[in-house]
PDB file of all heavy atoms in Angstrom:
ATOM      1  N   SER A   1     -14.898  -4.109  -2.210  1.00  0.00           N
ATOM      2  CA  SER A   1     -13.559  -4.545  -1.859  1.00  0.00           C
ATOM      3  C   SER A   1     -13.086  -5.745  -2.696  1.00  0.00           C
ATOM      4  O   SER A   1     -12.286  -6.504  -2.322  1.00  0.00           O
ATOM      5  CB  SER A   1     -13.451  -4.952  -0.399  1.00  0.00           C
ATOM      6  OG  SER A   1     -12.119  -5.249  -0.035  1.00  0.00           O
ATOM      7  N   ASP A   2     -13.579  -5.795  -3.907  1.00  0.00           N
ATOM      8  CA  ASP A   2     -13.151  -6.889  -4.848  1.00  0.00           C
ATOM      9  C   ASP A   2     -12.510  -6.206  -6.053  1.00  0.00           C
ATOM     10  O   ASP A   2     -12.535  -6.804  -7.146  1.00  0.00           O
ATOM     11  CB  ASP A   2     -14.354  -7.703  -5.210  1.00  0.00           C
ATOM     12  CG  ASP A   2     -13.935  -9.095  -5.713  1.00  0.00           C
ATOM     13  OD1 ASP A   2     -12.705  -9.389  -5.628  1.00  0.00           O
ATOM     14  OD2 ASP A   2     -14.784  -9.873  -6.099  1.00  0.00           O
ATOM     15  N   ILE A   3     -11.974  -5.005  -5.894  1.00  0.00           N
ATOM     16  CA  ILE A   3     -11.516  -4.287  -7.015  1.00  0.00           C
ATOM     17  C   ILE A   3     -10.206  -4.850  -7.553  1.00  0.00           C
ATOM     18  O   ILE A   3     -10.075  -5.147  -8.733  1.00  0.00           O
ATOM     19  CB  ILE A   3     -11.268  -2.770  -6.635  1.00  0.00           C
ATOM     20  CG1 ILE A   3     -12.611  -2.171  -6.094  1.00  0.00           C
ATOM     21  CG2 ILE A   3     -10.769  -2.007  -7.838  1.00  0.00           C
ATOM     22  CD1 ILE A   3     -12.357  -0.812  -5.489  1.00  0.00           C
ATOM     23  N   SER A   4      -9.256  -5.018  -6.659  1.00  0.00           N
ATOM     24  CA  SER A   4      -7.923  -5.419  -7.103  1.00  0.00           C
ATOM     25  C   SER A   4      -7.756  -6.904  -7.061  1.00  0.00           C
ATOM     26  O   SER A   4      -6.826  -7.435  -6.407  1.00  0.00           O
ATOM     27  CB  SER A   4      -6.839  -4.712  -6.218  1.00  0.00           C
ATOM     28  OG  SER A   4      -6.983  -3.340  -6.322  1.00  0.00           O
ATOM     29  N   TYR A   5      -8.600  -7.627  -7.676  1.00  0.00           N
ATOM     30  CA  TYR A   5      -8.641  -9.114  -7.564  1.00  0.00           C
ATOM     31  C   TYR A   5      -7.327  -9.750  -7.957  1.00  0.00           C
ATOM     32  O   TYR A   5      -6.902 -10.712  -7.344  1.00  0.00           O
ATOM     33  CB  TYR A   5      -9.777  -9.696  -8.422  1.00  0.00           C
ATOM     34  CG  TYR A   5      -9.894 -11.152  -8.271  1.00  0.00           C
ATOM     35  CD1 TYR A   5     -10.660 -11.727  -7.285  1.00  0.00           C
ATOM     36  CD2 TYR A   5      -9.255 -12.017  -9.204  1.00  0.00           C
ATOM     37  CE1 TYR A   5     -10.751 -13.104  -7.128  1.00  0.00           C
ATOM     38  CE2 TYR A   5      -9.357 -13.379  -9.035  1.00  0.00           C
ATOM     39  CZ  TYR A   5     -10.136 -13.906  -8.033  1.00  0.00           C
ATOM     40  OH  TYR A   5     -10.243 -15.264  -7.888  1.00  0.00           O
ATOM     41  N   PHE A   6      -6.665  -9.213  -8.969  1.00  0.00           N
ATOM     42  CA  PHE A   6      -5.468  -9.889  -9.475  1.00  0.00           C
ATOM     43  C   PHE A   6      -4.194  -9.320  -8.893  1.00  0.00           C
ATOM     44  O   PHE A   6      -3.052  -9.630  -9.385  1.00  0.00           O
ATOM     45  CB  PHE A   6      -5.411  -9.827 -11.008  1.00  0.00           C
ATOM     46  CG  PHE A   6      -6.497 -10.632 -11.619  1.00  0.00           C
ATOM     47  CD1 PHE A   6      -7.608  -9.978 -12.154  1.00  0.00           C
ATOM     48  CD2 PHE A   6      -6.493 -12.023 -11.564  1.00  0.00           C
ATOM     49  CE1 PHE A   6      -8.668 -10.718 -12.744  1.00  0.00           C
ATOM     50  CE2 PHE A   6      -7.473 -12.787 -12.149  1.00  0.00           C
ATOM     51  CZ  PHE A   6      -8.570 -12.110 -12.727  1.00  0.00           C
ATOM     52  N   GLY A   7      -4.242  -8.470  -7.848  1.00  0.00           N
ATOM     53  CA  GLY A   7      -3.044  -8.083  -7.154  1.00  0.00           C
ATOM     54  C   GLY A   7      -2.164  -7.055  -7.867  1.00  0.00           C
ATOM     55  O   GLY A   7      -0.967  -6.970  -7.614  1.00  0.00           O
ATOM     56  N   VAL A   8      -2.777  -6.305  -8.793  1.00  0.00           N
ATOM     57  CA  VAL A   8      -1.978  -5.288  -9.513  1.00  0.00           C
ATOM     58  C   VAL A   8      -2.594  -3.908  -9.343  1.00  0.00           C
ATOM     59  O   VAL A   8      -1.934  -2.944  -9.462  1.00  0.00           O
ATOM     60  CB  VAL A   8      -1.834  -5.608 -11.005  1.00  0.00           C
ATOM     61  CG1 VAL A   8      -1.137  -6.905 -11.223  1.00  0.00           C
ATOM     62  CG2 VAL A   8      -3.234  -5.646 -11.680  1.00  0.00           C
ATOM     63  N   GLY A   9      -3.820  -3.844  -9.030  1.00  0.00           N
ATOM     64  CA  GLY A   9      -4.566  -2.515  -9.103  1.00  0.00           C
ATOM     65  C   GLY A   9      -3.992  -1.471  -8.252  1.00  0.00           C
ATOM     66  O   GLY A   9      -3.810  -0.298  -8.649  1.00  0.00           O
ATOM     67  N   GLY A  10      -3.729  -1.776  -6.962  1.00  0.00           N
ATOM     68  CA  GLY A  10      -3.230  -0.753  -6.031  1.00  0.00           C
ATOM     69  C   GLY A  10      -1.928  -0.196  -6.477  1.00  0.00           C
ATOM     70  O   GLY A  10      -1.683   1.048  -6.372  1.00  0.00           O
ATOM     71  N   LYS A  11      -0.994  -0.996  -6.910  1.00  0.00           N
ATOM     72  CA  LYS A  11       0.295  -0.533  -7.307  1.00  0.00           C
ATOM     73  C   LYS A  11       0.235   0.229  -8.628  1.00  0.00           C
ATOM     74  O   LYS A  11       0.942   1.191  -8.810  1.00  0.00           O
ATOM     75  CB  LYS A  11       1.271  -1.746  -7.384  1.00  0.00           C
ATOM     76  CG  LYS A  11       1.598  -2.310  -6.028  1.00  0.00           C
ATOM     77  CD  LYS A  11       2.270  -3.666  -6.050  1.00  0.00           C
ATOM     78  CE  LYS A  11       1.325  -4.782  -6.337  1.00  0.00           C
ATOM     79  NZ  LYS A  11       0.343  -5.040  -5.251  1.00  0.00           N
ATOM     80  N   GLN A  12      -0.607  -0.224  -9.548  1.00  0.00           N
ATOM     81  CA  GLN A  12      -0.761   0.541 -10.792  1.00  0.00           C
ATOM     82  C   GLN A  12      -1.359   1.928 -10.479  1.00  0.00           C
ATOM     83  O   GLN A  12      -0.923   2.907 -11.067  1.00  0.00           O
ATOM     84  CB  GLN A  12      -1.713  -0.264 -11.737  1.00  0.00           C
ATOM     85  CG  GLN A  12      -1.032  -1.467 -12.350  1.00  0.00           C
ATOM     86  CD  GLN A  12      -2.009  -2.134 -13.373  1.00  0.00           C
ATOM     87  OE1 GLN A  12      -3.188  -2.063 -13.247  1.00  0.00           O
ATOM     88  NE2 GLN A  12      -1.410  -2.819 -14.304  1.00  0.00           N
ATOM     89  N   ALA A  13      -2.319   1.954  -9.591  1.00  0.00           N
ATOM     90  CA  ALA A  13      -2.935   3.253  -9.245  1.00  0.00           C
ATOM     91  C   ALA A  13      -1.927   4.207  -8.577  1.00  0.00           C
ATOM     92  O   ALA A  13      -1.924   5.399  -8.883  1.00  0.00           O
ATOM     93  CB  ALA A  13      -4.125   3.041  -8.328  1.00  0.00           C
ATOM     94  N   VAL A  14      -1.118   3.675  -7.720  1.00  0.00           N
ATOM     95  CA  VAL A  14      -0.112   4.481  -7.021  1.00  0.00           C
ATOM     96  C   VAL A  14       0.789   5.204  -8.017  1.00  0.00           C
ATOM     97  O   VAL A  14       1.000   6.427  -7.989  1.00  0.00           O
ATOM     98  CB  VAL A  14       0.749   3.653  -6.064  1.00  0.00           C
ATOM     99  CG1 VAL A  14       2.039   4.313  -5.730  1.00  0.00           C
ATOM    100  CG2 VAL A  14      -0.041   3.341  -4.815  1.00  0.00           C
ATOM    101  N   PHE A  15       1.308   4.455  -8.964  1.00  0.00           N
ATOM    102  CA  PHE A  15       2.286   4.979  -9.921  1.00  0.00           C
ATOM    103  C   PHE A  15       1.609   5.675 -11.093  1.00  0.00           C
ATOM    104  O   PHE A  15       2.275   6.184 -11.988  1.00  0.00           O
ATOM    105  CB  PHE A  15       3.282   3.940 -10.357  1.00  0.00           C
ATOM    106  CG  PHE A  15       4.211   3.544  -9.256  1.00  0.00           C
ATOM    107  CD1 PHE A  15       4.084   2.368  -8.555  1.00  0.00           C
ATOM    108  CD2 PHE A  15       5.221   4.436  -8.828  1.00  0.00           C
ATOM    109  CE1 PHE A  15       4.923   2.004  -7.533  1.00  0.00           C
ATOM    110  CE2 PHE A  15       6.048   4.115  -7.783  1.00  0.00           C
ATOM    111  CZ  PHE A  15       5.904   2.919  -7.112  1.00  0.00           C
ATOM    112  N   PHE A  16       0.310   5.682 -11.162  1.00  0.00           N
ATOM    113  CA  PHE A  16      -0.437   6.537 -12.111  1.00  0.00           C
ATOM    114  C   PHE A  16      -0.613   7.903 -11.465  1.00  0.00           C
ATOM    115  O   PHE A  16      -0.418   8.978 -12.119  1.00  0.00           O
ATOM    116  CB  PHE A  16      -1.738   5.958 -12.515  1.00  0.00           C
ATOM    117  CG  PHE A  16      -2.613   6.879 -13.318  1.00  0.00           C
ATOM    118  CD1 PHE A  16      -2.284   7.142 -14.653  1.00  0.00           C
ATOM    119  CD2 PHE A  16      -3.709   7.545 -12.729  1.00  0.00           C
ATOM    120  CE1 PHE A  16      -3.034   8.042 -15.411  1.00  0.00           C
ATOM    121  CE2 PHE A  16      -4.460   8.406 -13.493  1.00  0.00           C
ATOM    122  CZ  PHE A  16      -4.145   8.666 -14.834  1.00  0.00           C
ATOM    123  N   VAL A  17      -1.000   7.917 -10.190  1.00  0.00           N
ATOM    124  CA  VAL A  17      -1.275   9.163  -9.495  1.00  0.00           C
ATOM    125  C   VAL A  17       0.004   9.879  -9.107  1.00  0.00           C
ATOM    126  O   VAL A  17       0.100  11.098  -9.163  1.00  0.00           O
ATOM    127  CB  VAL A  17      -2.119   8.878  -8.239  1.00  0.00           C
ATOM    128  CG1 VAL A  17      -2.266  10.171  -7.394  1.00  0.00           C
ATOM    129  CG2 VAL A  17      -3.473   8.304  -8.619  1.00  0.00           C
ATOM    130  N   GLY A  18       1.001   9.141  -8.692  1.00  0.00           N
ATOM    131  CA  GLY A  18       2.219   9.780  -8.204  1.00  0.00           C
ATOM    132  C   GLY A  18       3.453   8.874  -8.469  1.00  0.00           C
ATOM    133  O   GLY A  18       3.468   7.987  -9.292  1.00  0.00           O
ATOM    134  N   GLN A  19       4.574   9.137  -7.722  1.00  0.00           N
ATOM    135  CA  GLN A  19       5.797   8.465  -7.923  1.00  0.00           C
ATOM    136  C   GLN A  19       6.309   7.676  -6.669  1.00  0.00           C
ATOM    137  O   GLN A  19       7.395   7.130  -6.705  1.00  0.00           O
ATOM    138  CB  GLN A  19       6.910   9.482  -8.331  1.00  0.00           C
ATOM    139  CG  GLN A  19       6.584  10.121  -9.635  1.00  0.00           C
ATOM    140  CD  GLN A  19       7.721  11.052 -10.117  1.00  0.00           C
ATOM    141  OE1 GLN A  19       8.600  11.402  -9.329  1.00  0.00           O
ATOM    142  NE2 GLN A  19       7.676  11.372 -11.416  1.00  0.00           N
ATOM    143  N   SER A  20       5.479   7.635  -5.663  1.00  0.00           N
ATOM    144  CA  SER A  20       5.886   6.839  -4.460  1.00  0.00           C
ATOM    145  C   SER A  20       4.648   6.484  -3.664  1.00  0.00           C
ATOM    146  O   SER A  20       3.568   7.137  -3.783  1.00  0.00           O
ATOM    147  CB  SER A  20       6.890   7.598  -3.614  1.00  0.00           C
ATOM    148  OG  SER A  20       6.253   8.757  -3.039  1.00  0.00           O
ATOM    149  N   ALA A  21       4.755   5.469  -2.852  1.00  0.00           N
ATOM    150  CA  ALA A  21       3.671   5.031  -1.959  1.00  0.00           C
ATOM    151  C   ALA A  21       4.291   4.808  -0.552  1.00  0.00           C
ATOM    152  O   ALA A  21       5.350   4.212  -0.405  1.00  0.00           O
ATOM    153  CB  ALA A  21       3.025   3.753  -2.457  1.00  0.00           C
ATOM    154  N   ARG A  22       3.581   5.317   0.453  1.00  0.00           N
ATOM    155  CA  ARG A  22       3.967   5.045   1.842  1.00  0.00           C
ATOM    156  C   ARG A  22       2.756   4.437   2.543  1.00  0.00           C
ATOM    157  O   ARG A  22       1.715   5.100   2.635  1.00  0.00           O
ATOM    158  CB  ARG A  22       4.434   6.298   2.594  1.00  0.00           C
ATOM    159  CG  ARG A  22       4.675   6.108   4.037  1.00  0.00           C
ATOM    160  CD  ARG A  22       5.249   7.347   4.737  1.00  0.00           C
ATOM    161  NE  ARG A  22       6.655   7.431   4.524  1.00  0.00           N
ATOM    162  CZ  ARG A  22       7.254   8.376   3.822  1.00  0.00           C
ATOM    163  NH1 ARG A  22       6.561   9.295   3.222  1.00  0.00           N
ATOM    164  NH2 ARG A  22       8.576   8.401   3.726  1.00  0.00           N
ATOM    165  N   MET A  23       2.891   3.243   3.065  1.00  0.00           N
ATOM    166  CA  MET A  23       1.853   2.572   3.796  1.00  0.00           C
ATOM    167  C   MET A  23       2.272   2.392   5.223  1.00  0.00           C
ATOM    168  O   MET A  23       3.351   1.858   5.543  1.00  0.00           O
ATOM    169  CB  MET A  23       1.503   1.248   3.180  1.00  0.00           C
ATOM    170  CG  MET A  23       0.962   1.345   1.774  1.00  0.00           C
ATOM    171  SD  MET A  23       0.576  -0.317   0.986  1.00  0.00           S
ATOM    172  CE  MET A  23      -0.755  -0.857   2.039  1.00  0.00           C
ATOM    173  N   ILE A  24       1.461   2.967   6.148  1.00  0.00           N
ATOM    174  CA  ILE A  24       1.740   2.859   7.626  1.00  0.00           C
ATOM    175  C   ILE A  24       0.598   2.086   8.220  1.00  0.00           C
ATOM    176  O   ILE A  24      -0.540   2.450   8.035  1.00  0.00           O
ATOM    177  CB  ILE A  24       1.886   4.247   8.238  1.00  0.00           C
ATOM    178  CG1 ILE A  24       2.976   5.071   7.493  1.00  0.00           C
ATOM    179  CG2 ILE A  24       2.196   4.153   9.708  1.00  0.00           C
ATOM    180  CD1 ILE A  24       3.007   6.517   7.898  1.00  0.00           C
ATOM    181  N   SER A  25       0.897   1.058   8.989  1.00  0.00           N
ATOM    182  CA  SER A  25      -0.133   0.200   9.492  1.00  0.00           C
ATOM    183  C   SER A  25       0.237  -0.375  10.853  1.00  0.00           C
ATOM    184  O   SER A  25       1.402  -0.712  11.136  1.00  0.00           O
ATOM    185  CB  SER A  25      -0.392  -0.951   8.499  1.00  0.00           C
ATOM    186  OG  SER A  25      -1.508  -1.750   8.918  1.00  0.00           O
ATOM    187  N   LYS A  26      -0.784  -0.511  11.725  1.00  0.00           N
ATOM    188  CA  LYS A  26      -0.609  -1.137  13.050  1.00  0.00           C
ATOM    189  C   LYS A  26      -1.635  -2.224  13.166  1.00  0.00           C
ATOM    190  O   LYS A  26      -2.859  -1.969  13.222  1.00  0.00           O
ATOM    191  CB  LYS A  26      -0.805  -0.088  14.140  1.00  0.00           C
ATOM    192  CG  LYS A  26      -0.732  -0.663  15.552  1.00  0.00           C
ATOM    193  CD  LYS A  26      -1.150   0.361  16.572  1.00  0.00           C
ATOM    194  CE  LYS A  26      -1.251  -0.277  17.990  1.00  0.00           C
ATOM    195  NZ  LYS A  26      -2.340  -1.288  18.012  1.00  0.00           N
ATOM    196  N   PRO A  27      -1.203  -3.478  13.229  1.00  0.00           N
ATOM    197  CA  PRO A  27      -2.141  -4.590  13.408  1.00  0.00           C
ATOM    198  C   PRO A  27      -2.969  -4.401  14.699  1.00  0.00           C
ATOM    199  O   PRO A  27      -2.386  -3.910  15.737  1.00  0.00           O
ATOM    200  CB  PRO A  27      -1.263  -5.805  13.459  1.00  0.00           C
ATOM    201  CG  PRO A  27       0.003  -5.405  12.801  1.00  0.00           C
ATOM    202  CD  PRO A  27       0.177  -3.961  13.096  1.00  0.00           C
ATOM    203  N   ALA A  28      -4.214  -4.762  14.728  1.00  0.00           N
ATOM    204  CA  ALA A  28      -5.071  -4.563  15.847  1.00  0.00           C
ATOM    205  C   ALA A  28      -4.561  -5.283  17.109  1.00  0.00           C
ATOM    206  O   ALA A  28      -4.700  -4.813  18.218  1.00  0.00           O
ATOM    207  CB  ALA A  28      -6.493  -5.032  15.550  1.00  0.00           C
ATOM    208  N   GLU A  29      -3.891  -6.448  16.946  1.00  0.00           N
ATOM    209  CA  GLU A  29      -3.452  -7.221  18.049  1.00  0.00           C
ATOM    210  C   GLU A  29      -2.032  -6.980  18.415  1.00  0.00           C
ATOM    211  O   GLU A  29      -1.414  -7.671  19.262  1.00  0.00           O
ATOM    212  CB  GLU A  29      -3.634  -8.721  17.775  1.00  0.00           C
ATOM    213  CG  GLU A  29      -2.782  -9.289  16.660  1.00  0.00           C
ATOM    214  CD  GLU A  29      -3.274  -8.967  15.260  1.00  0.00           C
ATOM    215  OE1 GLU A  29      -4.333  -8.308  15.178  1.00  0.00           O
ATOM    216  OE2 GLU A  29      -2.567  -9.348  14.278  1.00  0.00           O
ATOM    217  N   SER A  30      -1.394  -5.944  17.877  1.00  0.00           N
ATOM    218  CA  SER A  30       0.022  -5.712  18.125  1.00  0.00           C
ATOM    219  C   SER A  30       0.277  -4.233  18.438  1.00  0.00           C
ATOM    220  O   SER A  30      -0.512  -3.348  18.084  1.00  0.00           O
ATOM    221  CB  SER A  30       0.853  -6.074  16.868  1.00  0.00           C
ATOM    222  OG  SER A  30       2.194  -5.675  16.980  1.00  0.00           O
ATOM    223  N   GLN A  31       1.392  -3.992  19.132  1.00  0.00           N
ATOM    224  CA  GLN A  31       1.794  -2.605  19.432  1.00  0.00           C
ATOM    225  C   GLN A  31       2.691  -2.021  18.409  1.00  0.00           C
ATOM    226  O   GLN A  31       3.059  -0.882  18.441  1.00  0.00           O
ATOM    227  CB  GLN A  31       2.485  -2.556  20.855  1.00  0.00           C
ATOM    228  CG  GLN A  31       1.606  -2.956  21.992  1.00  0.00           C
ATOM    229  CD  GLN A  31       0.360  -2.038  22.098  1.00  0.00           C
ATOM    230  OE1 GLN A  31       0.480  -0.811  22.006  1.00  0.00           O
ATOM    231  NE2 GLN A  31      -0.814  -2.637  22.229  1.00  0.00           N
ATOM    232  N   ASP A  32       3.180  -2.884  17.492  1.00  0.00           N
ATOM    233  CA  ASP A  32       4.133  -2.471  16.456  1.00  0.00           C
ATOM    234  C   ASP A  32       3.470  -1.684  15.368  1.00  0.00           C
ATOM    235  O   ASP A  32       2.350  -2.034  14.883  1.00  0.00           O
ATOM    236  CB  ASP A  32       4.830  -3.709  15.873  1.00  0.00           C
ATOM    237  CG  ASP A  32       5.726  -4.405  16.888  1.00  0.00           C
ATOM    238  OD1 ASP A  32       6.076  -3.783  17.854  1.00  0.00           O
ATOM    239  OD2 ASP A  32       5.971  -5.642  16.689  1.00  0.00           O
ATOM    240  N   VAL A  33       4.087  -0.640  14.876  1.00  0.00           N
ATOM    241  CA  VAL A  33       3.663   0.099  13.712  1.00  0.00           C
ATOM    242  C   VAL A  33       4.641  -0.168  12.582  1.00  0.00           C
ATOM    243  O   VAL A  33       5.857  -0.044  12.762  1.00  0.00           O
ATOM    244  CB  VAL A  33       3.615   1.609  14.035  1.00  0.00           C
ATOM    245  CG1 VAL A  33       3.209   2.378  12.742  1.00  0.00           C
ATOM    246  CG2 VAL A  33       2.619   1.904  15.139  1.00  0.00           C
ATOM    247  N   HIS A  34       4.111  -0.601  11.443  1.00  0.00           N
ATOM    248  CA  HIS A  34       4.965  -0.978  10.316  1.00  0.00           C
ATOM    249  C   HIS A  34       4.781   0.010   9.158  1.00  0.00           C
ATOM    250  O   HIS A  34       3.704   0.516   8.954  1.00  0.00           O
ATOM    251  CB  HIS A  34       4.617  -2.422   9.799  1.00  0.00           C
ATOM    252  CG  HIS A  34       4.660  -3.440  10.879  1.00  0.00           C
ATOM    253  ND1 HIS A  34       5.832  -3.859  11.445  1.00  0.00           N
ATOM    254  CD2 HIS A  34       3.678  -4.113  11.531  1.00  0.00           C
ATOM    255  CE1 HIS A  34       5.607  -4.750  12.373  1.00  0.00           C
ATOM    256  NE2 HIS A  34       4.262  -4.910  12.453  1.00  0.00           N
ATOM    257  N   GLU A  35       5.864   0.280   8.442  1.00  0.00           N
ATOM    258  CA  GLU A  35       5.824   1.238   7.366  1.00  0.00           C
ATOM    259  C   GLU A  35       6.492   0.616   6.112  1.00  0.00           C
ATOM    260  O   GLU A  35       7.542   0.033   6.213  1.00  0.00           O
ATOM    261  CB  GLU A  35       6.555   2.511   7.762  1.00  0.00           C
ATOM    262  CG  GLU A  35       6.566   3.562   6.655  1.00  0.00           C
ATOM    263  CD  GLU A  35       7.218   4.891   7.109  1.00  0.00           C
ATOM    264  OE1 GLU A  35       7.683   4.920   8.255  1.00  0.00           O
ATOM    265  OE2 GLU A  35       7.227   5.811   6.277  1.00  0.00           O
ATOM    266  N   LEU A  36       5.875   0.760   4.946  1.00  0.00           N
ATOM    267  CA  LEU A  36       6.343   0.296   3.706  1.00  0.00           C
ATOM    268  C   LEU A  36       6.441   1.481   2.759  1.00  0.00           C
ATOM    269  O   LEU A  36       5.534   2.235   2.629  1.00  0.00           O
ATOM    270  CB  LEU A  36       5.412  -0.764   3.086  1.00  0.00           C
ATOM    271  CG  LEU A  36       5.640  -1.085   1.612  1.00  0.00           C
ATOM    272  CD1 LEU A  36       6.960  -1.884   1.442  1.00  0.00           C
ATOM    273  CD2 LEU A  36       4.491  -1.820   1.034  1.00  0.00           C
ATOM    274  N   VAL A  37       7.601   1.630   2.085  1.00  0.00           N
ATOM    275  CA  VAL A  37       7.766   2.743   1.126  1.00  0.00           C
ATOM    276  C   VAL A  37       8.200   2.109  -0.218  1.00  0.00           C
ATOM    277  O   VAL A  37       9.134   1.353  -0.308  1.00  0.00           O
ATOM    278  CB  VAL A  37       8.888   3.705   1.571  1.00  0.00           C
ATOM    279  CG1 VAL A  37       9.056   4.774   0.530  1.00  0.00           C
ATOM    280  CG2 VAL A  37       8.444   4.365   2.891  1.00  0.00           C
ATOM    281  N   LEU A  38       7.450   2.457  -1.270  1.00  0.00           N
ATOM    282  CA  LEU A  38       7.815   2.102  -2.658  1.00  0.00           C
ATOM    283  C   LEU A  38       8.063   3.439  -3.396  1.00  0.00           C
ATOM    284  O   LEU A  38       7.130   4.238  -3.438  1.00  0.00           O
ATOM    285  CB  LEU A  38       6.722   1.275  -3.360  1.00  0.00           C
ATOM    286  CG  LEU A  38       6.414  -0.111  -2.823  1.00  0.00           C
ATOM    287  CD1 LEU A  38       5.209  -0.665  -3.609  1.00  0.00           C
ATOM    288  CD2 LEU A  38       7.603  -1.011  -2.919  1.00  0.00           C
ATOM    289  N   SER A  39       9.202   3.655  -3.876  1.00  0.00           N
ATOM    290  CA  SER A  39       9.574   4.940  -4.475  1.00  0.00           C
ATOM    291  C   SER A  39      10.248   4.765  -5.825  1.00  0.00           C
ATOM    292  O   SER A  39      11.230   4.016  -5.921  1.00  0.00           O
ATOM    293  CB  SER A  39      10.475   5.695  -3.540  1.00  0.00           C
ATOM    294  OG  SER A  39      11.048   6.786  -4.179  1.00  0.00           O
ATOM    295  N   LYS A  40       9.735   5.466  -6.831  1.00  0.00           N
ATOM    296  CA  LYS A  40      10.388   5.428  -8.114  1.00  0.00           C
ATOM    297  C   LYS A  40      11.787   5.966  -8.002  1.00  0.00           C
ATOM    298  O   LYS A  40      12.735   5.435  -8.644  1.00  0.00           O
ATOM    299  CB  LYS A  40       9.537   6.233  -9.139  1.00  0.00           C
ATOM    300  CG  LYS A  40      10.151   6.316 -10.521  1.00  0.00           C
ATOM    301  CD  LYS A  40       9.285   7.101 -11.470  1.00  0.00           C
ATOM    302  CE  LYS A  40       9.873   7.158 -12.858  1.00  0.00           C
ATOM    303  NZ  LYS A  40       9.046   7.958 -13.758  1.00  0.00           N
TER     304      LYS A  40
END
């Protein structure tokens, strides 16, 4: 879990593999579900 040390790896990988990213997450201590979309 030390791969993307400089904060670019995940986003570079997303746009190498495809043209958009959708992240859906629910914090353990919350009932809220959050969604982030980055789309070319």
